[in-house]
C-alpha atoms as a PDB file:
ATOM      1  CA  UNK A   1      33.431  14.977  14.484  1.00  0.00           C
ATOM      2  CA  UNK A   2      37.438  14.518  15.161  1.00  0.00           C
ATOM      3  CA  UNK A   3      38.995  17.742  16.174  1.00  0.00           C
ATOM      4  CA  UNK A   4      42.449  18.831  14.074  1.00  0.00           C
ATOM      5  CA  UNK A   5      45.233  17.147  16.381  1.00  0.00           C
ATOM      6  CA  UNK A   6      48.186  19.223  14.466  1.00  0.00           C
ATOM      7  CA  UNK A   7      46.815  22.648  14.494  1.00  0.00           C
ATOM      8  CA  UNK A   8      49.433  24.900  14.728  1.00  0.00           C
ATOM      9  CA  UNK A   9      47.686  28.414  14.449  1.00  0.00           C
ATOM     10  CA  UNK A  10      45.876  30.456  16.826  1.00  0.00           C
ATOM     11  CA  UNK A  11      43.091  31.990  14.934  1.00  0.00           C
ATOM     12  CA  UNK A  12      40.086  30.970  14.016  1.00  0.00           C
ATOM     13  CA  UNK A  13      40.702  31.753   9.952  1.00  0.00           C
ATOM     14  CA  UNK A  14      43.918  29.823  10.266  1.00  0.00           C
ATOM     15  CA  UNK A  15      41.548  26.642  11.991  1.00  0.00           C
ATOM     16  CA  UNK A  16      39.236  27.332   8.716  1.00  0.00           C
ATOM     17  CA  UNK A  17      42.043  27.313   6.298  1.00  0.00           C
ATOM     18  CA  UNK A  18      43.601  24.120   8.013  1.00  0.00           C
ATOM     19  CA  UNK A  19      40.047  22.564   7.617  1.00  0.00           C
ATOM     20  CA  UNK A  20      39.844  23.161   4.076  1.00  0.00           C
ATOM     21  CA  UNK A  21      43.063  22.033   3.108  1.00  0.00           C
ATOM     22  CA  UNK A  22      42.259  18.862   4.810  1.00  0.00           C
ATOM     23  CA  UNK A  23      39.118  18.802   2.936  1.00  0.00           C
ATOM     24  CA  UNK A  24      36.524  19.141   5.825  1.00  0.00           C
ATOM     25  CA  UNK A  25      33.949  22.068   5.734  1.00  0.00           C
ATOM     26  CA  UNK A  26      32.316  21.680   8.854  1.00  0.00           C
ATOM     27  CA  UNK A  27      33.396  23.101  12.305  1.00  0.00           C
ATOM     28  CA  UNK A  28      31.118  23.013  15.388  1.00  0.00           C
ATOM     29  CA  UNK A  29      31.746  25.485  18.074  1.00  0.00           C
ATOM     30  CA  UNK A  30      32.715  22.897  20.629  1.00  0.00           C
ATOM     31  CA  UNK A  31      35.733  21.907  18.272  1.00  0.00           C
ATOM     32  CA  UNK A  32      37.022  25.592  17.778  1.00  0.00           C
ATOM     33  CA  UNK A  33      36.445  26.471  21.466  1.00  0.00           C
ATOM     34  CA  UNK A  34      38.808  23.159  22.606  1.00  0.00           C
ATOM     35  CA  UNK A  35      41.547  23.827  19.304  1.00  0.00           C
ATOM     36  CA  UNK A  36      41.831  27.478  19.805  1.00  0.00           C
ATOM     37  CA  UNK A  37      41.523  27.472  23.759  1.00  0.00           C
ATOM     38  CA  UNK A  38      39.843  30.925  23.698  1.00  0.00           C
ATOM     39  CA  UNK A  39      36.331  32.563  25.193  1.00  0.00           C
ATOM     40  CA  UNK A  40      32.956  31.906  24.105  1.00  0.00           C
ATOM     41  CA  UNK A  41      32.721  35.822  23.553  1.00  0.00           C
ATOM     42  CA  UNK A  42      35.913  35.826  21.525  1.00  0.00           C
ATOM     43  CA  UNK A  43      34.850  32.941  19.234  1.00  0.00           C
ATOM     44  CA  UNK A  44      31.618  35.064  18.303  1.00  0.00           C
ATOM     45  CA  UNK A  45      33.645  37.870  17.381  1.00  0.00           C
ATOM     46  CA  UNK A  46      35.663  35.816  15.349  1.00  0.00           C
ATOM     47  CA  UNK A  47      32.754  33.759  13.536  1.00  0.00           C
ATOM     48  CA  UNK A  48      31.458  37.331  12.927  1.00  0.00           C
ATOM     49  CA  UNK A  49      34.233  38.719  11.302  1.00  0.00           C
ATOM     50  CA  UNK A  50      34.476  35.096   9.181  1.00  0.00           C
ATOM     51  CA  UNK A  51      30.730  35.539   7.966  1.00  0.00           C
ATOM     52  CA  UNK A  52      31.103  39.289   7.419  1.00  0.00           C
ATOM     53  CA  UNK A  53      34.170  38.146   4.963  1.00  0.00           C
ATOM     54  CA  UNK A  54      31.701  34.957   3.303  1.00  0.00           C
ATOM     55  CA  UNK A  55      34.425  32.827   4.729  1.00  0.00           C
ATOM     56  CA  UNK A  56      31.901  30.834   6.986  1.00  0.00           C
ATOM     57  CA  UNK A  57      28.130  30.136   7.085  1.00  0.00           C
ATOM     58  CA  UNK A  58      26.214  29.486  10.133  1.00  0.00           C
ATOM     59  CA  UNK A  59      23.120  27.244   9.427  1.00  0.00           C
ATOM     60  CA  UNK A  60      22.639  26.240  12.931  1.00  0.00           C
ATOM     61  CA  UNK A  61      23.888  27.968  16.034  1.00  0.00           C
ATOM     62  CA  UNK A  62      27.051  26.170  16.879  1.00  0.00           C
ATOM     63  CA  UNK A  63      27.384  24.469  13.306  1.00  0.00           C
ATOM     64  CA  UNK A  64      29.917  26.445  11.368  1.00  0.00           C
ATOM     65  CA  UNK A  65      30.475  25.679   7.577  1.00  0.00           C
ATOM     66  CA  UNK A  66      33.453  26.807   5.440  1.00  0.00           C
ATOM     67  CA  UNK A  67      33.149  28.714   2.166  1.00  0.00           C
ATOM     68  CA  UNK A  68      35.499  27.928  -0.699  1.00  0.00           C
ATOM     69  CA  UNK A  69      36.519  30.815  -2.956  1.00  0.00           C
ATOM     70  CA  UNK A  70      34.135  29.364  -5.541  1.00  0.00           C
ATOM     71  CA  UNK A  71      30.746  29.940  -3.446  1.00  0.00           C
ATOM     72  CA  UNK A  72      31.525  33.365  -1.730  1.00  0.00           C
ATOM     73  CA  UNK A  73      29.263  34.492  -4.050  1.00  0.00           C
ATOM     74  CA  UNK A  74      26.573  32.460  -3.166  1.00  0.00           C
ATOM     75  CA  UNK A  75      27.055  32.506   0.870  1.00  0.00           C
ATOM     76  CA  UNK A  76      27.783  28.758   1.101  1.00  0.00           C
ATOM     77  CA  UNK A  77      28.417  25.841  -0.622  1.00  0.00           C
ATOM     78  CA  UNK A  78      25.552  23.289  -1.725  1.00  0.00           C
ATOM     79  CA  UNK A  79      23.634  21.658   1.502  1.00  0.00           C
ATOM     80  CA  UNK A  80      25.054  18.205  -0.069  1.00  0.00           C
ATOM     81  CA  UNK A  81      28.399  19.298   1.136  1.00  0.00           C
ATOM     82  CA  UNK A  82      27.277  19.568   5.015  1.00  0.00           C
ATOM     83  CA  UNK A  83      23.764  18.124   5.138  1.00  0.00           C
ATOM     84  CA  UNK A  84      25.311  14.669   6.801  1.00  0.00           C
ATOM     85  CA  UNK A  85      27.404  16.477   9.220  1.00  0.00           C
ATOM     86  CA  UNK A  86      24.555  19.026   9.973  1.00  0.00           C
ATOM     87  CA  UNK A  87      21.944  15.851  10.943  1.00  0.00           C
ATOM     88  CA  UNK A  88      24.825  14.138  12.657  1.00  0.00           C
ATOM     89  CA  UNK A  89      25.294  17.360  15.008  1.00  0.00           C
ATOM     90  CA  UNK A  90      21.265  17.596  15.433  1.00  0.00           C
ATOM     91  CA  UNK A  91      21.529  13.817  16.152  1.00  0.00           C
ATOM     92  CA  UNK A  92      18.659  12.996  13.612  1.00  0.00           C
ATOM     93  CA  UNK A  93      17.760  10.078  11.194  1.00  0.00           C
ATOM     94  CA  UNK A  94      17.396  11.496   8.031  1.00  0.00           C
ATOM     95  CA  UNK A  95      17.403  11.186   4.193  1.00  0.00           C
ATOM     96  CA  UNK A  96      17.424  13.422   1.732  1.00  0.00           C
ATOM     97  CA  UNK A  97      13.968  13.138  -0.291  1.00  0.00           C
ATOM     98  CA  UNK A  98      10.752  14.311  -2.319  1.00  0.00           C
ATOM     99  CA  UNK A  99      12.266  16.646  -5.329  1.00  0.00           C
ATOM    100  CA  UNK A 100      15.889  17.043  -4.269  1.00  0.00           C
ATOM    101  CA  UNK A 101      15.484  13.123  -4.014  1.00  0.00           C
ATOM    102  CA  UNK A 102      14.000  12.830  -7.720  1.00  0.00           C
ATOM    103  CA  UNK A 103      16.517  15.556  -8.944  1.00  0.00           C
ATOM    104  CA  UNK A 104      19.197  13.280  -7.800  1.00  0.00           C
ATOM    105  CA  UNK A 105      17.933  10.507  -9.478  1.00  0.00           C
ATOM    106  CA  UNK A 106      17.840  12.731 -12.861  1.00  0.00           C
ATOM    107  CA  UNK A 107      14.033  13.274 -12.455  1.00  0.00           C
ATOM    108  CA  UNK A 108      14.122  16.810 -12.400  1.00  0.00           C
ATOM    109  CA  UNK A 109      11.830  19.164 -14.452  1.00  0.00           C
ATOM    110  CA  UNK A 110      13.379  22.098 -12.819  1.00  0.00           C
ATOM    111  CA  UNK A 111      15.660  22.473  -9.947  1.00  0.00           C
ATOM    112  CA  UNK A 112      13.821  22.245  -6.557  1.00  0.00           C
ATOM    113  CA  UNK A 113      14.109  25.620  -5.093  1.00  0.00           C
ATOM    114  CA  UNK A 114      14.650  24.300  -1.766  1.00  0.00           C
ATOM    115  CA  UNK A 115      17.206  21.211  -0.641  1.00  0.00           C
ATOM    116  CA  UNK A 116      14.147  18.865   0.806  1.00  0.00           C
ATOM    117  CA  UNK A 117      15.227  16.412   3.612  1.00  0.00           C
ATOM    118  CA  UNK A 118      12.813  14.159   5.696  1.00  0.00           C
ATOM    119  CA  UNK A 119      13.662  13.013   9.485  1.00  0.00           C
ATOM    120  CA  UNK A 120      11.331  11.952  12.706  1.00  0.00           C
ATOM    121  CA  UNK A 121      11.196  15.390  14.264  1.00  0.00           C
ATOM    122  CA  UNK A 122      10.153  18.726  13.434  1.00  0.00           C
ATOM    123  CA  UNK A 123      13.299  21.238  12.587  1.00  0.00           C
ATOM    124  CA  UNK A 124      12.788  24.813  11.982  1.00  0.00           C
ATOM    125  CA  UNK A 125      14.295  25.161   7.847  1.00  0.00           C
ATOM    126  CA  UNK A 126      17.800  26.256   7.606  1.00  0.00           C
ATOM    127  CA  UNK A 127      19.061  29.029   5.235  1.00  0.00           C
ATOM    128  CA  UNK A 128      23.192  28.754   4.155  1.00  0.00           C
ATOM    129  CA  UNK A 129      23.745  31.293   1.799  1.00  0.00           C
ATOM    130  CA  UNK A 130      21.486  31.378  -0.991  1.00  0.00           C
ATOM    131  CA  UNK A 131      20.231  28.146  -0.449  1.00  0.00           C
ATOM    132  CA  UNK A 132      17.536  26.808   1.754  1.00  0.00           C
ATOM    133  CA  UNK A 133      17.075  23.476   3.513  1.00  0.00           C
ATOM    134  CA  UNK A 134      13.417  22.401   4.177  1.00  0.00           C
ATOM    135  CA  UNK A 135      12.723  19.457   6.811  1.00  0.00           C
ATOM    136  CA  UNK A 136       9.656  17.396   6.692  1.00  0.00           C
ATOM    137  CA  UNK A 137       8.585  14.755   9.771  1.00  0.00           C
ATOM    138  CA  UNK A 138       7.667  11.257   9.035  1.00  0.00           C
ATOM    139  CA  UNK A 139       7.119   9.385  11.901  1.00  0.00           C
ATOM    140  CA  UNK A 140       9.226   6.123  11.264  1.00  0.00           C
ATOM    141  CA  UNK A 141      11.740   6.947   8.717  1.00  0.00           C
ATOM    142  CA  UNK A 142      13.996   3.843   9.665  1.00  0.00           C
ATOM    143  CA  UNK A 143      12.125   1.283   7.361  1.00  0.00           C
ATOM    144  CA  UNK A 144      12.409   3.872   3.953  1.00  0.00           C
ATOM    145  CA  UNK A 145      15.378   2.164   1.765  1.00  0.00           C
ATOM    146  CA  UNK A 146      18.030   4.427   0.910  1.00  0.00           C
ATOM    147  CA  UNK A 147      21.092   4.770  -1.008  1.00  0.00           C
ATOM    148  CA  UNK A 148      24.443   6.441   0.127  1.00  0.00           C
ATOM    149  CA  UNK A 149      25.158   8.976  -2.707  1.00  0.00           C
ATOM    150  CA  UNK A 150      28.616  10.450  -2.588  1.00  0.00           C
ATOM    151  CA  UNK A 151      29.095  13.722  -2.279  1.00  0.00           C
ATOM    152  CA  UNK A 152      31.996  16.724  -2.687  1.00  0.00           C
ATOM    153  CA  UNK A 153      32.842  15.700   1.021  1.00  0.00           C
ATOM    154  CA  UNK A 154      31.481  12.391   2.040  1.00  0.00           C
ATOM    155  CA  UNK A 155      28.228  11.030   1.346  1.00  0.00           C
ATOM    156  CA  UNK A 156      24.446  11.580   2.023  1.00  0.00           C
ATOM    157  CA  UNK A 157      21.391   9.434   2.660  1.00  0.00           C
ATOM    158  CA  UNK A 158      18.985   9.802  -0.332  1.00  0.00           C
ATOM    159  CA  UNK A 159      15.493   7.967  -0.831  1.00  0.00           C
ATOM    160  CA  UNK A 160      15.529   5.206  -3.503  1.00  0.00           C
ATOM    161  CA  UNK A 161      13.373   6.080  -6.741  1.00  0.00           C
ATOM    162  CA  UNK A 162      10.797   3.746  -5.341  1.00  0.00           C
ATOM    163  CA  UNK A 163      10.493   5.603  -2.129  1.00  0.00           C
ATOM    164  CA  UNK A 164      10.929   9.164  -3.771  1.00  0.00           C
ATOM    165  CA  UNK A 165       7.826   8.492  -5.509  1.00  0.00           C
ATOM    166  CA  UNK A 166       5.403   7.547  -2.706  1.00  0.00           C
ATOM    167  CA  UNK A 167       6.742  10.402  -0.958  1.00  0.00           C
ATOM    168  CA  UNK A 168       5.534  12.968  -3.947  1.00  0.00           C
ATOM    169  CA  UNK A 169       2.183  11.803  -3.202  1.00  0.00           C
ATOM    170  CA  UNK A 170       2.945  11.812   0.437  1.00  0.00           C
ATOM    171  CA  UNK A 171       3.871  15.651   0.402  1.00  0.00           C
ATOM    172  CA  UNK A 172       1.679  16.676  -2.581  1.00  0.00           C
ATOM    173  CA  UNK A 173       2.214  20.290  -1.522  1.00  0.00           C
ATOM    174  CA  UNK A 174       6.145  20.553  -1.091  1.00  0.00           C
ATOM    175  CA  UNK A 175       6.382  18.200  -4.661  1.00  0.00           C
ATOM    176  CA  UNK A 176       4.792  21.093  -6.262  1.00  0.00           C
ATOM    177  CA  UNK A 177       1.004  19.466  -6.991  1.00  0.00           C
ATOM    178  CA  UNK A 178      -0.385  16.901  -9.059  1.00  0.00           C
ATOM    179  CA  UNK A 179       0.796  17.984 -12.631  1.00  0.00           C
ATOM    180  CA  UNK A 180       4.307  18.420 -11.086  1.00  0.00           C
ATOM    181  CA  UNK A 181       4.753  15.122  -9.272  1.00  0.00           C
ATOM    182  CA  UNK A 182       3.135  13.441 -13.255  1.00  0.00           C
ATOM    183  CA  UNK A 183       6.158  15.163 -15.035  1.00  0.00           C
ATOM    184  CA  UNK A 184       8.453  14.231 -12.819  1.00  0.00           C
ATOM    185  CA  UNK A 185       7.046  10.384 -12.136  1.00  0.00           C
ATOM    186  CA  UNK A 186       7.529  10.136 -15.976  1.00  0.00           C
ATOM    187  CA  UNK A 187      11.008  10.685 -15.526  1.00  0.00           C
ATOM    188  CA  UNK A 188      11.851   8.875 -12.465  1.00  0.00           C
ATOM    189  CA  UNK A 189       9.680   5.737 -13.748  1.00  0.00           C
ATOM    190  CA  UNK A 190      12.828   4.769 -15.546  1.00  0.00           C
ATOM    191  CA  UNK A 191      15.056   4.342 -12.355  1.00  0.00           C
ATOM    192  CA  UNK A 192      11.985   2.422 -10.500  1.00  0.00           C
ATOM    193  CA  UNK A 193      11.888  -1.525  -9.964  1.00  0.00           C
ATOM    194  CA  UNK A 194       8.645  -2.991 -10.223  1.00  0.00           C
ATOM    195  CA  UNK A 195       9.389  -5.464  -7.258  1.00  0.00           C
ATOM    196  CA  UNK A 196      10.623  -2.880  -5.085  1.00  0.00           C
ATOM    197  CA  UNK A 197       7.346  -0.791  -5.442  1.00  0.00           C
ATOM    198  CA  UNK A 198       5.676  -3.492  -4.575  1.00  0.00           C
ATOM    199  CA  UNK A 199       7.484  -4.192  -1.547  1.00  0.00           C
ATOM    200  CA  UNK A 200       6.873  -0.766  -0.640  1.00  0.00           C
ATOM    201  CA  UNK A 201       3.087  -0.616  -1.352  1.00  0.00           C
ATOM    202  CA  UNK A 202       2.929  -3.845   0.978  1.00  0.00           C
ATOM    203  CA  UNK A 203       4.527  -2.029   4.078  1.00  0.00           C
ATOM    204  CA  UNK A 204       2.824   1.207   3.129  1.00  0.00           C
ATOM    205  CA  UNK A 205      -0.023   1.733   5.783  1.00  0.00           C
ATOM    206  CA  UNK A 206      -1.658   4.431   3.983  1.00  0.00           C
ATOM    207  CA  UNK A 207      -3.074   2.522   0.993  1.00  0.00           C
ATOM    208  CA  UNK A 208      -4.410   5.586  -0.472  1.00  0.00           C
ATOM    209  CA  UNK A 209      -1.064   6.699  -1.598  1.00  0.00           C
ATOM    210  CA  UNK A 210      -0.061   4.019  -3.675  1.00  0.00           C
ATOM    211  CA  UNK A 211      -3.749   4.253  -5.485  1.00  0.00           C
ATOM    212  CA  UNK A 212      -2.919   7.809  -6.113  1.00  0.00           C
ATOM    213  CA  UNK A 213       0.719   6.658  -7.078  1.00  0.00           C
ATOM    214  CA  UNK A 214      -0.281   3.992  -9.234  1.00  0.00           C
ATOM    215  CA  UNK A 215      -3.454   6.323 -11.152  1.00  0.00           C
ATOM    216  CA  UNK A 216      -0.257   8.804 -12.365  1.00  0.00           C
ATOM    217  CA  UNK A 217       1.942   6.141 -13.262  1.00  0.00           C
ATOM    218  CA  UNK A 218      -0.736   4.870 -15.551  1.00  0.00           C
ATOM    219  CA  UNK A 219      -1.374   8.283 -16.690  1.00  0.00           C
ATOM    220  CA  UNK A 220       2.325   8.681 -17.797  1.00  0.00           C
ATOM    221  CA  UNK A 221       2.310   5.666 -19.425  1.00  0.00           C
ATOM    222  CA  UNK A 222       4.661   3.426 -16.939  1.00  0.00           C
ATOM    223  CA  UNK A 223       2.157   0.422 -17.496  1.00  0.00           C
ATOM    224  CA  UNK A 224       5.019  -2.062 -16.287  1.00  0.00           C
ATOM    225  CA  UNK A 225       4.909  -0.326 -12.933  1.00  0.00           C
ATOM    226  CA  UNK A 226       1.387   0.313 -12.476  1.00  0.00           C
ATOM    227  CA  UNK A 227       0.232  -3.641 -13.583  1.00  0.00           C
ATOM    228  CA  UNK A 228       1.666  -5.422 -10.544  1.00  0.00           C
ATOM    229  CA  UNK A 229       1.295  -2.299  -8.512  1.00  0.00           C
ATOM    230  CA  UNK A 230      -2.739  -2.220  -9.047  1.00  0.00           C
ATOM    231  CA  UNK A 231      -2.790  -6.101  -8.301  1.00  0.00           C
ATOM    232  CA  UNK A 232      -1.484  -5.739  -5.135  1.00  0.00           C
ATOM    233  CA  UNK A 233      -3.671  -2.886  -4.373  1.00  0.00           C
ATOM    234  CA  UNK A 234      -6.435  -4.918  -5.448  1.00  0.00           C
ATOM    235  CA  UNK A 235      -5.255  -7.639  -2.834  1.00  0.00           C
ATOM    236  CA  UNK A 236      -6.300  -4.832  -0.269  1.00  0.00           C
ATOM    237  CA  UNK A 237     -10.040  -3.865  -1.174  1.00  0.00           C
ATOM    238  CA  UNK A 238      -9.389  -0.338  -1.060  1.00  0.00           C
ATOM    239  CA  UNK A 239     -12.437   2.222  -0.622  1.00  0.00           C
ATOM    240  CA  UNK A 240     -12.415   5.287  -2.931  1.00  0.00           C
ATOM    241  CA  UNK A 241     -10.543   7.907  -2.140  1.00  0.00           C
ATOM    242  CA  UNK A 242     -10.580  11.296  -3.850  1.00  0.00           C
ATOM    243  CA  UNK A 243      -7.042  12.259  -6.221  1.00  0.00           C
ATOM    244  CA  UNK A 244      -6.974  15.164  -4.122  1.00  0.00           C
ATOM    245  CA  UNK A 245      -7.628  15.291  -0.735  1.00  0.00           C
ATOM    246  CA  UNK A 246      -8.101  18.802  -0.217  1.00  0.00           C
ATOM    247  CA  UNK A 247     -10.893  19.172  -3.170  1.00  0.00           C
ATOM    248  CA  UNK A 248     -14.410  18.289  -3.466  1.00  0.00           C
ATOM    249  CA  UNK A 249     -15.053  14.991  -4.928  1.00  0.00           C
ATOM    250  CA  UNK A 250     -18.688  15.168  -4.915  1.00  0.00           C
ATOM    251  CA  UNK A 251     -19.399  15.144  -8.531  1.00  0.00           C
ATOM    252  CA  UNK A 252     -15.637  13.434  -9.699  1.00  0.00           C
ATOM    253  CA  UNK A 253     -15.473  10.656 -12.224  1.00  0.00           C
ATOM    254  CA  UNK A 254     -14.330   7.093 -10.756  1.00  0.00           C
ATOM    255  CA  UNK A 255     -11.644   4.968 -11.636  1.00  0.00           C
ATOM    256  CA  UNK A 256     -12.588   1.227 -11.034  1.00  0.00           C
ATOM    257  CA  UNK A 257      -9.276   0.330 -11.368  1.00  0.00           C
ATOM    258  CA  UNK A 258      -7.431   2.234  -8.771  1.00  0.00           C
ATOM    259  CA  UNK A 259     -10.468   3.417  -6.808  1.00  0.00           C
ATOM    260  CA  UNK A 260      -9.736   7.295  -7.317  1.00  0.00           C
ATOM    261  CA  UNK A 261     -12.068   9.924  -7.275  1.00  0.00           C
ATOM    262  CA  UNK A 262     -10.746  11.978 -10.166  1.00  0.00           C
ATOM    263  CA  UNK A 263     -11.253  15.536  -8.811  1.00  0.00           C
ATOM    264  CA  UNK A 264      -8.450  17.134 -10.577  1.00  0.00           C
ATOM    265  CA  UNK A 265      -7.256  17.192 -14.626  1.00  0.00           C
ATOM    266  CA  UNK A 266      -3.640  16.304 -14.165  1.00  0.00           C
ATOM    267  CA  UNK A 267      -1.374  17.048 -17.192  1.00  0.00           C
ATOM    268  CA  UNK A 268       2.682  15.865 -17.197  1.00  0.00           C
ATOM    269  CA  UNK A 269       4.885  18.811 -18.759  1.00  0.00           C
ATOM    270  CA  UNK A 270       6.219  17.025 -22.278  1.00  0.00           C
END
């Protein structure tokens, strides 16, 4: 994050105004201390004052978000405005995933209650105004295919529709459980590419996720994606897995195609 080189004011509020005028909406403590040449204590007081006026939000210690007038009531601009800078601040790889990614690809039955981000270290949730950012840990996130999406302030990394479909089944609880996942998949399937899905299924260490995904894709009528996925899974001679791993499957019906034990009736919302 570069420093404001032609800054002429001597107050934090002036620096915040200058940032916004230049289309920048984040500011770090180090940057502010360097530009304003004030003590940490003086900066803390200025930050508290601007937070009280809803001019700044502080989602993380030392990381400040400029709040433009149209977001004063919400307490902060949307996470998409600052997530890329926040993850650079954390020095963490990331992508926007799960339901938030599905919504960005146009497949959201209802707006997710939280902004969902996948990274490779467990991070505490972030609250900025009314928005909540929740982090999910995945050990190897580098191979996950992403797209760079334009935001109001730059770009952010978002999992592709195919990668998103796998994550919906990887983080079932965060995705609102199986009925909601099926509902989202019915819309997301229109944006998915069969070859990319097969590539991911081959790279996926956990074949049970692909089995559950295939079963749900078939359930919502996405047979163009389900057919090649079934062939790909068949090559791996999978064992039977429960559709819901947290439920008993002792009396569950068996789906021979996907090798899935149907221990929950799934209904996608129309």
